[in-house]
Amino acid sequence: MKRLGVALLLLLLLLVPAGPAPAADATIALTGGRIVTVSGAVIPKGTVVITGGKITAVGADVAVPPGATNVDVSGQTVYPGMIDGLTTLGLTEIGSVPGSVDVSEVGDVNPHIQAWVAVHPHSELIPVARANGITVALATPVGGLISGQSALIRLAGPTPDALKVKTPAAMHMNYPTGRPPFDFTRLFDEPELKTFEERQREKKKNQEKDLNRLRNLLEEAKAYGAALDAAKSGAPLPRPDLPMEALAPVARGTVPVIMRADTEDDIRGAVKFAEERKLKLIIAGGLEAWRCADLLKQKGVPVLVNVDRLPRKESDPYDAAYTNPAALHRAGVSFAIVSDDASQSRNLPYEAAMARAYGLPAEAALRAITLSPAEIFGVADRMGAIAPGCNVDLFVAIGDIMDHCTSVICVLIGG
């Protein structure tokens, strides 16, 4: 009954209008619960004070302000909202229904594509993820050489604009693998027999061709950005070019690049390419990041890693993907655990639980789905922890959130 009362009270606080002005300044105090701040020590029994969509006080001895609504969460745990740092949430509904999938565009160079414009705020997958404590996600375009711009979105709001937290969060690219795309028109043709050496040479040639294409695009974008700057001082405006305008801040290193790369060679290649072009790099996927963790640490390259995967090589240990986060943690690499999916976003805490079961400390596992992605995307001052000044992105649960038996009682998303 107590659990039901807490849930109903918080639901009413969230959904029932409290008048034009007072609603914005309403003060709520969550008292008596275990508070997992992530950015600091766990408070066994404390209080979180919320005013106007912001956390204003956290601690064991915090007094409840006069007039505040007191919500007793004794015996329960207050967590910061989880952040899924790589997903197509809001961009796809049912994979087998093309009309409900809007994750990519025609062509392989689309830097001007903005994912948040296509986000469907009433997607059925959003409340499913939210119900398990996910409050923020990175809506990500996919496909091609340059996929487009991703956006951090909160998982509550009536319109795409209301969901926006940060846009663009990053530019998404796929590191060229050198493998030619499958040609369905030649499905029944006799395969062309080639030696291993010939296939490797062809792969290298195709890879270098795509890398040169990327280099040229970035160089052109940098020049376009310089022309826009010159126009502010009276020079003629360059001809409008949306792809170049979107790519210019990336070429200057002000907007990060999330480059998908899984193999050790591709990860090392992506790091080298980013270094020579002075790009702000984040690796996505990173299946074999454990093989080059020292390099990633040395160059300060974060990784968005998906845990529930199979090894790429037959010679790899069966648990290579499960132990990947632990290896990155030991090396001091900044990383976030992600679902890399829409329908599986709700399982984000269990991705972290798998990494925890294979050597990642419990505190690091929780950080990898809260504060670490917030730091990687430059929003740690607003979310990812329970601290004064942060947005009200938190949830109350009974038990350890990485235990599938745990119940999430309520989720608060605000600010």
Protein backbone atom coordinates (compact mmCIF):
# COMPACT_ATOMS: atom_id res chain seq x y z
CA MET A 1 0.00 0.00 0.00
CA LYS A 2 2.85 2.38 0.84
CA ARG A 3 4.45 1.76 -2.56
CA LEU A 4 1.13 2.42 -4.29
CA GLY A 5 0.67 5.64 -2.32
CA VAL A 6 4.09 6.97 -3.29
CA ALA A 7 3.52 6.12 -6.94
CA LEU A 8 0.10 7.75 -7.05
CA LEU A 9 1.29 10.88 -5.25
CA LEU A 10 4.22 11.38 -7.61
CA LEU A 11 2.01 10.67 -10.60
CA LEU A 12 -0.40 13.36 -9.45
CA LEU A 13 2.46 15.81 -8.88
CA LEU A 14 3.64 15.20 -12.43
CA LEU A 15 0.35 15.15 -14.28
CA VAL A 16 -2.12 17.38 -12.44
CA PRO A 17 -1.78 21.11 -13.26
CA ALA A 18 -1.05 23.22 -10.20
CA GLY A 19 -2.03 26.60 -11.61
CA PRO A 20 -0.23 28.94 -14.01
CA ALA A 21 2.61 30.29 -11.87
CA PRO A 22 2.94 27.99 -8.82
CA ALA A 23 3.60 24.87 -10.93
CA ALA A 24 6.97 26.21 -12.06
CA ASP A 25 8.05 26.99 -8.49
CA ALA A 26 6.53 23.96 -6.75
CA THR A 27 8.87 22.34 -4.21
CA ILE A 28 8.96 18.58 -3.63
CA ALA A 29 11.11 16.72 -1.09
CA LEU A 30 11.88 13.02 -1.45
CA THR A 31 12.73 11.95 2.09
CA GLY A 32 14.02 8.85 3.87
CA GLY A 33 15.32 6.99 0.84
CA ARG A 34 18.73 5.64 -0.12
CA ILE A 35 20.22 8.17 -2.53
CA VAL A 36 22.73 7.02 -5.15
CA THR A 37 24.24 10.32 -6.25
CA VAL A 38 26.82 8.72 -8.64
CA SER A 39 28.93 11.91 -8.53
CA GLY A 40 29.54 11.44 -4.81
CA ALA A 41 29.02 9.00 -1.97
CA VAL A 42 25.84 6.96 -1.55
CA ILE A 43 23.59 8.49 1.14
CA PRO A 44 21.99 5.62 3.10
CA LYS A 45 19.07 7.75 4.25
CA GLY A 46 18.68 11.24 2.90
CA THR A 47 16.58 13.92 1.26
CA VAL A 48 16.39 15.30 -2.26
CA VAL A 49 14.75 18.73 -2.62
CA ILE A 50 13.33 19.69 -6.02
CA THR A 51 12.21 23.20 -7.00
CA GLY A 52 11.15 24.38 -10.43
CA GLY A 53 12.46 21.34 -12.27
CA LYS A 54 15.91 21.53 -10.62
CA ILE A 55 17.54 19.68 -7.75
CA THR A 56 18.25 22.33 -5.11
CA ALA A 57 19.56 20.25 -2.20
CA VAL A 58 20.77 16.71 -1.52
CA GLY A 59 22.02 15.25 1.75
CA ALA A 60 21.47 13.28 4.92
CA ASP A 61 20.68 16.35 7.04
CA VAL A 62 18.82 18.49 4.52
CA ALA A 63 15.74 20.16 6.01
CA VAL A 64 12.46 20.02 4.13
CA PRO A 65 11.60 23.61 3.08
CA PRO A 66 8.37 25.10 4.50
CA GLY A 67 5.44 24.48 2.20
CA ALA A 68 7.18 21.69 0.28
CA THR A 69 5.32 18.52 -0.66
CA ASN A 70 6.97 15.75 1.37
CA VAL A 71 7.13 12.35 -0.34
CA ASP A 72 8.34 9.54 1.90
CA VAL A 73 10.53 7.08 -0.08
CA SER A 74 11.82 5.12 2.91
CA GLY A 75 13.05 1.65 2.00
CA GLN A 76 13.51 2.67 -1.65
CA THR A 77 16.46 3.91 -3.71
CA VAL A 78 16.65 7.18 -5.63
CA TYR A 79 18.83 6.97 -8.76
CA PRO A 80 19.76 9.56 -11.40
CA GLY A 81 17.96 8.90 -14.67
CA MET A 82 19.85 6.61 -17.01
CA ILE A 83 21.20 7.88 -20.33
CA ASP A 84 21.25 5.60 -23.39
CA GLY A 85 24.14 7.09 -25.34
CA LEU A 86 23.50 5.32 -28.67
CA THR A 87 20.05 4.38 -29.90
CA THR A 88 17.48 4.89 -32.65
CA LEU A 89 14.73 5.50 -30.09
CA GLY A 90 12.02 7.71 -31.58
CA LEU A 91 13.27 7.07 -35.13
CA THR A 92 12.02 3.51 -35.53
CA GLU A 93 8.97 1.64 -34.31
CA ILE A 94 8.63 -1.75 -36.00
CA GLY A 95 11.66 -2.90 -37.97
CA SER A 96 9.60 -4.97 -40.42
CA VAL A 97 7.29 -2.04 -41.25
CA PRO A 98 9.24 0.40 -43.49
CA GLY A 99 6.76 3.23 -42.89
CA SER A 100 7.67 3.26 -39.19
CA VAL A 101 11.44 3.40 -39.75
CA ASP A 102 13.15 6.74 -40.36
CA VAL A 103 16.78 6.15 -39.39
CA SER A 104 18.57 6.91 -42.67
CA GLU A 105 18.38 8.94 -45.86
CA VAL A 106 19.13 8.25 -49.51
CA GLY A 107 22.80 8.65 -50.39
CA ASP A 108 25.90 8.03 -48.32
CA VAL A 109 26.88 11.62 -47.42
CA ASN A 110 24.22 13.37 -45.32
CA PRO A 111 25.90 15.65 -42.75
CA HIS A 112 22.97 18.09 -42.88
CA ILE A 113 20.42 15.50 -41.66
CA GLN A 114 19.13 16.33 -38.15
CA ALA A 115 17.79 13.28 -36.31
CA TRP A 116 15.67 15.24 -33.83
CA VAL A 117 13.43 16.53 -36.65
CA ALA A 118 12.34 12.95 -37.39
CA VAL A 119 11.85 11.86 -33.77
CA HIS A 120 8.32 10.62 -33.11
CA PRO A 121 7.50 11.82 -29.57
CA HIS A 122 4.56 9.43 -29.28
CA SER A 123 6.55 6.31 -30.14
CA GLU A 124 5.40 3.35 -28.04
CA LEU A 125 9.03 2.47 -27.35
CA ILE A 126 9.69 5.72 -25.48
CA PRO A 127 7.39 5.04 -22.49
CA VAL A 128 8.63 1.44 -22.39
CA ALA A 129 12.23 2.65 -21.98
CA ARG A 130 11.17 5.40 -19.59
CA ALA A 131 9.33 2.93 -17.36
CA ASN A 132 12.65 1.22 -16.61
CA GLY A 133 14.44 4.43 -15.60
CA ILE A 134 15.81 5.68 -18.95
CA THR A 135 15.25 9.44 -19.01
CA VAL A 136 17.57 10.64 -21.82
CA ALA A 137 18.71 9.01 -25.06
CA LEU A 138 20.86 9.84 -28.07
CA ALA A 139 18.66 9.66 -31.18
CA THR A 140 21.08 8.57 -33.88
CA PRO A 141 20.93 8.43 -37.69
CA VAL A 142 22.58 5.44 -39.34
CA GLY A 143 23.95 4.33 -42.71
CA GLY A 144 26.27 5.69 -45.36
CA LEU A 145 29.68 7.26 -44.97
CA ILE A 146 28.32 10.31 -43.09
CA SER A 147 24.98 9.51 -41.48
CA GLY A 148 24.04 12.91 -40.05
CA GLN A 149 23.61 14.70 -36.73
CA SER A 150 22.34 13.03 -33.58
CA ALA A 151 20.47 14.71 -30.73
CA LEU A 152 20.17 14.10 -27.02
CA ILE A 153 16.47 13.87 -26.23
CA ARG A 154 14.57 13.57 -22.97
CA LEU A 155 11.95 10.83 -22.93
CA ALA A 156 8.99 13.05 -22.05
CA GLY A 157 7.41 15.75 -24.17
CA PRO A 158 4.64 16.30 -26.73
CA THR A 159 6.78 17.51 -29.67
CA PRO A 160 10.27 16.88 -31.08
CA ASP A 161 11.24 20.40 -30.01
CA ALA A 162 10.10 19.70 -26.44
CA LEU A 163 12.25 16.56 -26.34
CA LYS A 164 15.49 18.31 -27.29
CA VAL A 165 18.28 18.45 -24.73
CA LYS A 166 21.22 19.10 -27.04
CA THR A 167 21.43 19.28 -30.81
CA PRO A 168 23.61 18.57 -32.57
CA ALA A 169 25.13 16.23 -30.01
CA ALA A 170 27.54 14.79 -32.58
CA MET A 171 28.11 14.03 -36.26
CA HIS A 172 27.91 10.33 -37.11
CA MET A 173 30.24 8.62 -39.54
CA ASN A 174 31.10 5.02 -40.39
CA TYR A 175 34.81 4.25 -40.60
CA PRO A 176 35.38 2.81 -44.09
CA THR A 177 35.93 -0.95 -43.88
CA GLY A 178 36.90 -1.37 -47.52
CA ARG A 179 34.30 -4.06 -48.06
CA PRO A 180 32.14 -3.32 -51.12
CA PRO A 181 28.36 -3.19 -50.55
CA PHE A 182 26.48 -6.32 -51.50
CA ASP A 183 25.17 -6.17 -55.05
CA PHE A 184 21.74 -7.84 -55.16
CA THR A 185 21.63 -7.54 -58.96
CA ARG A 186 24.46 -10.09 -59.13
CA LEU A 187 22.97 -12.46 -56.57
CA PHE A 188 22.86 -15.41 -58.98
CA ASP A 189 26.07 -14.63 -60.88
CA GLU A 190 29.05 -16.93 -60.69
CA PRO A 191 31.27 -15.59 -57.87
CA GLU A 192 34.62 -14.17 -58.90
CA LEU A 193 37.37 -16.26 -57.35
CA LYS A 194 40.16 -14.24 -55.73
CA THR A 195 43.09 -15.11 -53.53
CA PHE A 196 43.29 -13.81 -49.96
CA GLU A 197 46.03 -11.37 -50.98
CA GLU A 198 43.90 -10.04 -53.85
CA ARG A 199 40.92 -9.51 -51.55
CA GLN A 200 43.10 -7.68 -49.02
CA ARG A 201 44.55 -5.40 -51.70
CA GLU A 202 41.06 -4.61 -52.99
CA LYS A 203 39.84 -3.91 -49.46
CA LYS A 204 42.77 -1.59 -48.78
CA LYS A 205 42.18 0.24 -52.05
CA ASN A 206 38.45 0.75 -51.36
CA GLN A 207 39.16 1.87 -47.80
CA GLU A 208 41.74 4.44 -48.87
CA LYS A 209 39.38 5.71 -51.55
CA ASP A 210 36.63 6.38 -48.96
CA LEU A 211 39.11 7.91 -46.49
CA ASN A 212 40.32 10.31 -49.18
CA ARG A 213 36.71 11.18 -49.88
CA LEU A 214 36.20 11.99 -46.19
CA ARG A 215 39.40 14.06 -46.14
CA ASN A 216 38.26 16.09 -49.14
CA LEU A 217 34.81 16.67 -47.65
CA LEU A 218 36.28 17.88 -44.35
CA GLU A 219 38.77 20.15 -46.14
CA GLU A 220 35.99 21.62 -48.24
CA ALA A 221 33.84 22.11 -45.11
CA LYS A 222 36.67 23.90 -43.32
CA ALA A 223 37.06 26.27 -46.28
CA TYR A 224 33.30 26.86 -46.34
CA GLY A 225 33.34 27.68 -42.62
CA ALA A 226 36.17 30.16 -43.20
CA ALA A 227 34.13 31.80 -45.97
CA LEU A 228 31.15 32.15 -43.63
CA ASP A 229 33.40 33.81 -41.04
CA ALA A 230 34.79 36.17 -43.67
CA ALA A 231 31.24 37.13 -44.65
CA LYS A 232 30.70 38.49 -41.13
CA SER A 233 33.44 41.02 -41.84
CA GLY A 234 31.92 42.18 -45.12
CA ALA A 235 33.12 39.55 -47.62
CA PRO A 236 30.53 38.08 -50.01
CA LEU A 237 28.44 35.25 -48.60
CA PRO A 238 29.28 31.87 -50.13
CA ARG A 239 26.61 30.00 -52.04
CA PRO A 240 24.29 28.17 -49.59
CA ASP A 241 25.49 24.60 -49.03
CA LEU A 242 23.71 22.81 -46.18
CA PRO A 243 25.99 19.74 -46.06
CA MET A 244 29.13 21.90 -45.89
CA GLU A 245 27.56 24.25 -43.35
CA ALA A 246 26.75 21.26 -41.10
CA LEU A 247 30.20 19.71 -41.56
CA ALA A 248 32.18 22.93 -40.94
CA PRO A 249 32.07 22.81 -37.10
CA VAL A 250 33.06 19.14 -37.24
CA ALA A 251 36.09 19.95 -39.40
CA ARG A 252 37.08 22.62 -36.86
CA GLY A 253 36.78 20.17 -33.95
CA THR A 254 33.96 22.01 -32.18
CA VAL A 255 31.34 19.30 -32.78
CA PRO A 256 32.38 15.73 -31.93
CA VAL A 257 32.43 12.90 -34.45
CA ILE A 258 30.98 9.55 -33.43
CA MET A 259 32.70 7.09 -35.74
CA ARG A 260 31.48 3.51 -35.83
CA ALA A 261 34.38 1.05 -35.77
CA ASP A 262 34.54 -2.46 -34.32
CA THR A 263 37.79 -4.17 -35.30
CA GLU A 264 41.13 -3.26 -33.77
CA ASP A 265 42.50 -2.15 -37.15
CA ASP A 266 39.47 0.06 -37.82
CA ILE A 267 39.58 1.61 -34.34
CA ARG A 268 43.28 2.38 -34.72
CA GLY A 269 42.61 3.74 -38.20
CA ALA A 270 39.80 5.97 -36.91
CA VAL A 271 42.02 7.35 -34.14
CA LYS A 272 44.80 8.08 -36.64
CA PHE A 273 42.38 9.72 -39.09
CA ALA A 274 40.86 11.90 -36.36
CA GLU A 275 44.28 12.93 -35.11
CA GLU A 276 45.50 14.01 -38.54
CA ARG A 277 42.26 15.96 -39.18
CA LYS A 278 42.11 17.32 -35.57
CA LEU A 279 38.63 15.88 -35.04
CA LYS A 280 37.00 15.39 -31.65
CA LEU A 281 36.50 11.63 -31.84
CA ILE A 282 34.15 9.22 -30.06
CA ILE A 283 34.21 5.54 -31.04
CA ALA A 284 30.85 3.74 -31.38
CA GLY A 285 30.60 -0.03 -31.20
CA GLY A 286 34.19 -0.70 -30.18
CA LEU A 287 33.84 -4.48 -30.10
CA GLU A 288 37.63 -4.90 -30.05
CA ALA A 289 38.39 -1.73 -28.09
CA TRP A 290 39.95 -3.91 -25.39
CA ARG A 291 42.75 -4.73 -27.84
CA CYS A 292 43.79 -1.07 -28.13
CA ALA A 293 42.67 0.33 -24.77
CA ASP A 294 46.11 1.88 -24.13
CA LEU A 295 45.89 3.88 -27.37
CA LEU A 296 42.36 5.09 -26.56
CA LYS A 297 43.51 6.21 -23.12
CA GLN A 298 46.60 7.94 -24.52
CA LYS A 299 44.58 9.86 -27.13
CA GLY A 300 41.63 10.56 -24.81
CA VAL A 301 39.08 8.88 -27.07
CA PRO A 302 35.79 7.80 -25.38
CA VAL A 303 33.93 4.65 -26.44
CA LEU A 304 30.19 3.94 -26.67
CA VAL A 305 30.20 0.20 -26.10
CA ASN A 306 27.42 -2.35 -26.52
CA VAL A 307 27.97 -5.37 -24.23
CA ASP A 308 25.54 -8.03 -25.44
CA ARG A 309 27.43 -9.11 -28.57
CA LEU A 310 29.27 -12.09 -29.99
CA PRO A 311 33.07 -12.10 -30.56
CA ARG A 312 34.20 -11.19 -34.08
CA LYS A 313 37.04 -13.70 -34.33
CA GLU A 314 36.81 -17.43 -33.72
CA SER A 315 40.01 -17.21 -31.69
CA ASP A 316 38.53 -14.64 -29.29
CA PRO A 317 37.26 -15.74 -25.87
CA TYR A 318 33.50 -16.29 -25.76
CA ASP A 319 33.18 -13.45 -23.24
CA ALA A 320 35.30 -10.90 -25.11
CA ALA A 321 32.39 -8.46 -25.50
CA TYR A 322 31.26 -8.95 -21.88
CA THR A 323 34.72 -8.21 -20.45
CA ASN A 324 35.33 -5.30 -22.84
CA PRO A 325 34.06 -2.58 -20.40
CA ALA A 326 36.14 -4.00 -17.55
CA ALA A 327 39.28 -3.86 -19.73
CA LEU A 328 38.51 -0.26 -20.71
CA HIS A 329 37.91 0.63 -17.06
CA ARG A 330 41.25 -0.87 -15.99
CA ALA A 331 43.02 1.12 -18.71
CA GLY A 332 41.33 4.36 -17.63
CA VAL A 333 39.40 4.83 -20.88
CA SER A 334 36.25 6.96 -20.74
CA PHE A 335 33.30 4.85 -21.89
CA ALA A 336 29.52 4.57 -21.75
CA ILE A 337 27.48 1.40 -22.02
CA VAL A 338 24.72 1.73 -24.64
CA SER A 339 21.91 -0.36 -26.10
CA ASP A 340 22.64 0.63 -29.74
CA ASP A 341 18.99 -0.13 -30.46
CA ALA A 342 15.48 1.22 -29.97
CA SER A 343 13.46 -1.77 -28.74
CA GLN A 344 16.32 -2.85 -26.44
CA SER A 345 16.84 0.55 -24.83
CA ARG A 346 14.75 -0.58 -21.85
CA ASN A 347 17.40 -3.26 -21.20
CA LEU A 348 20.21 -0.73 -20.72
CA PRO A 349 20.67 -1.51 -16.99
CA TYR A 350 21.02 -5.20 -17.84
CA GLU A 351 23.74 -4.44 -20.39
CA ALA A 352 25.58 -2.80 -17.49
CA ALA A 353 24.75 -5.78 -15.27
CA MET A 354 26.38 -8.15 -17.78
CA ALA A 355 29.57 -6.05 -17.77
CA ARG A 356 29.41 -6.02 -13.98
CA ALA A 357 29.13 -9.81 -13.89
CA TYR A 358 32.29 -10.00 -16.02
CA GLY A 359 34.58 -7.83 -13.92
CA LEU A 360 33.36 -4.23 -14.11
CA PRO A 361 32.95 -2.76 -10.58
CA ALA A 362 29.33 -2.03 -9.64
CA GLU A 363 29.98 1.73 -9.23
CA ALA A 364 31.65 1.92 -12.64
CA ALA A 365 28.79 -0.03 -14.24
CA LEU A 366 26.20 2.43 -12.90
CA ARG A 367 28.37 5.39 -13.89
CA ALA A 368 28.61 4.01 -17.44
CA ILE A 369 24.85 4.45 -17.91
CA THR A 370 24.46 7.76 -16.05
CA LEU A 371 27.27 10.25 -15.49
CA SER A 372 29.78 8.93 -18.05
CA PRO A 373 27.54 9.46 -21.12
CA ALA A 374 26.61 12.89 -19.72
CA GLU A 375 30.32 13.76 -19.55
CA ILE A 376 31.01 12.42 -23.04
CA PHE A 377 28.25 14.60 -24.52
CA GLY A 378 29.06 17.67 -22.43
CA VAL A 379 25.90 17.81 -20.32
CA ALA A 380 27.25 16.56 -16.96
CA ASP A 381 26.33 19.90 -15.38
CA ARG A 382 22.66 19.14 -16.09
CA MET A 383 22.19 15.38 -15.72
CA GLY A 384 23.75 12.03 -14.94
CA ALA A 385 23.96 12.57 -11.18
CA ILE A 386 21.86 13.65 -8.21
CA ALA A 387 23.46 16.96 -7.27
CA PRO A 388 22.34 20.56 -6.68
CA GLY A 389 21.83 22.37 -10.00
CA CYS A 390 21.07 19.24 -12.02
CA ASN A 391 17.79 18.76 -13.86
CA VAL A 392 15.16 16.60 -12.25
CA ASP A 393 15.99 13.44 -14.21
CA LEU A 394 15.75 10.68 -11.64
CA PHE A 395 13.75 7.62 -10.65
CA VAL A 396 12.80 5.73 -7.51
CA ALA A 397 13.22 1.94 -7.40
CA ILE A 398 13.01 -0.91 -4.94
CA GLY A 399 16.38 -2.68 -5.06
CA ASP A 400 19.41 -2.65 -7.34
CA ILE A 401 18.50 -1.30 -10.79
CA MET A 402 20.85 -3.83 -12.41
CA ASP A 403 18.78 -6.67 -10.95
CA HIS A 404 15.96 -7.65 -13.30
CA CYS A 405 13.70 -8.29 -10.28
CA THR A 406 13.88 -4.63 -9.25
CA SER A 407 10.73 -2.54 -9.61
CA VAL A 408 10.86 1.07 -10.78
CA ILE A 409 8.24 2.92 -8.76
CA CYS A 410 8.26 6.28 -10.52
CA VAL A 411 10.28 8.36 -12.96
CA LEU A 412 10.68 12.15 -12.74
CA ILE A 413 11.75 14.04 -15.87
CA GLY A 414 11.90 17.82 -15.75
CA GLY A 415 13.99 20.92 -16.18
